[in-house]
Protein backbone atom coordinates (compact mmCIF):
# COMPACT_ATOMS: atom_id res chain seq x y z
CA UNK A 1 112.53 128.02 97.44
CA UNK A 2 109.00 127.76 96.08
CA UNK A 3 106.93 124.66 96.69
CA UNK A 4 106.24 122.52 93.66
CA UNK A 5 102.60 122.51 92.69
CA UNK A 6 101.22 119.09 91.94
CA UNK A 7 98.75 119.62 89.14
CA UNK A 8 98.22 117.38 86.18
CA UNK A 9 100.58 119.34 83.90
CA UNK A 10 103.45 119.30 86.40
CA UNK A 11 102.96 115.63 87.11
CA UNK A 12 103.11 114.85 83.41
CA UNK A 13 106.28 116.93 82.94
CA UNK A 14 107.92 115.33 85.95
CA UNK A 15 107.03 111.83 84.88
CA UNK A 16 108.28 112.50 81.35
CA UNK A 17 111.65 113.74 82.59
CA UNK A 18 112.10 110.71 84.84
CA UNK A 19 111.47 108.16 82.11
CA UNK A 20 114.69 107.64 80.16
CA UNK A 21 114.51 107.86 76.41
CA UNK A 22 116.54 105.81 73.95
CA UNK A 23 119.25 108.48 73.63
CA UNK A 24 119.91 108.65 77.39
CA UNK A 25 121.16 105.65 79.32
CA UNK A 26 119.13 104.76 82.36
CA UNK A 27 120.47 106.06 85.64
CA UNK A 28 121.38 103.25 87.95
CA UNK A 29 123.15 103.12 91.27
CA UNK A 30 126.07 101.40 89.57
CA UNK A 31 126.41 103.99 86.79
CA UNK A 32 126.08 106.85 89.25
CA UNK A 33 128.62 105.25 91.58
CA UNK A 34 130.99 104.75 88.66
CA UNK A 35 130.63 108.38 87.60
CA UNK A 36 131.20 109.55 91.15
CA UNK A 37 134.30 107.35 91.36
CA UNK A 38 135.67 108.89 88.15
CA UNK A 39 134.97 112.39 89.43
CA UNK A 40 136.67 111.54 92.74
CA UNK A 41 139.72 110.25 90.84
CA UNK A 42 139.89 113.44 88.78
CA UNK A 43 139.57 115.59 91.89
CA UNK A 44 142.26 113.57 93.65
CA UNK A 45 144.54 113.99 90.64
CA UNK A 46 143.88 117.72 90.56
CA UNK A 47 144.51 117.97 94.27
CA UNK A 48 147.81 116.09 93.96
CA UNK A 49 148.94 118.30 91.07
CA UNK A 50 147.93 121.40 92.99
CA UNK A 51 149.96 120.26 95.99
CA UNK A 52 152.95 119.50 93.76
CA UNK A 53 152.69 122.96 92.21
CA UNK A 54 152.47 124.57 95.65
CA UNK A 55 155.62 122.73 96.72
CA UNK A 56 157.41 123.77 93.53
CA UNK A 57 156.42 127.39 94.00
CA UNK A 58 157.62 127.33 97.61
CA UNK A 59 160.93 125.76 96.56
CA UNK A 60 161.44 128.36 93.83
CA UNK A 61 160.59 131.15 96.27
CA UNK A 62 163.24 129.87 98.69
CA UNK A 63 165.81 129.57 95.91
CA UNK A 64 165.10 133.06 94.59
CA UNK A 65 165.21 134.54 98.08
CA UNK A 66 168.57 132.90 98.74
CA UNK A 67 169.91 134.07 95.37
CA UNK A 68 168.70 137.62 96.00
CA UNK A 69 170.39 137.55 99.41
CA UNK A 70 173.68 136.38 97.84
CA UNK A 71 173.41 138.98 95.07
CA UNK A 72 172.71 141.71 97.61
CA UNK A 73 175.66 140.66 99.74
CA UNK A 74 177.96 140.60 96.70
CA UNK A 75 176.72 144.01 95.54
CA UNK A 76 177.35 145.46 99.01
CA UNK A 77 180.89 144.03 99.00
CA UNK A 78 181.57 145.56 95.59
CA UNK A 79 180.14 148.90 96.70
CA UNK A 80 182.37 148.86 99.77
CA UNK A 81 185.42 148.19 97.57
CA UNK A 82 184.46 151.03 95.24
CA UNK A 83 184.04 153.42 98.17
CA UNK A 84 187.48 152.48 99.48
CA UNK A 85 188.99 153.07 96.04
CA UNK A 86 187.19 156.40 95.76
CA UNK A 87 188.44 157.43 99.20
CA UNK A 88 192.00 156.40 98.26
CA UNK A 89 191.87 158.36 94.99
CA UNK A 90 190.43 161.39 96.77
CA UNK A 91 193.16 161.18 99.42
CA UNK A 92 195.91 160.94 96.79
CA UNK A 93 194.48 163.88 94.83
CA UNK A 94 194.35 165.94 98.02
CA UNK A 95 197.96 164.97 98.80
CA UNK A 96 199.06 165.99 95.32
CA UNK A 97 197.21 169.27 95.53
CA UNK A 98 198.96 170.04 98.81
CA UNK A 99 202.34 169.06 97.36
CA UNK A 100 202.63 165.86 99.30
CA UNK A 101 205.21 163.16 98.82
CA UNK A 102 203.46 160.97 96.27
CA UNK A 103 205.54 162.36 93.38
CA UNK A 104 202.65 161.98 90.95
CA UNK A 105 202.17 158.22 91.35
CA UNK A 106 198.82 156.75 92.19
């Protein structure tokens, strides 16, 4: 950070920027405090919404994980049934090929 030089030009510029003009309201402790209060309220609101979103995301993650677990379990059960059916069909075909006693019925 460079030190501010205090020459006549800088002093004039600084004093001009401090003096409020008609278009800008004067800065007061009350107006600054009010603005800070509004900003604090907005930040609090944003923080609360962010927390609510985080909770919603966590809840959805748990729900999706549980659903994926159920879907995986169901798929494994169906796969096991299909394997048993395949094994039964293979066994019956082998029996037929060997002339076993199934008499052509599956």
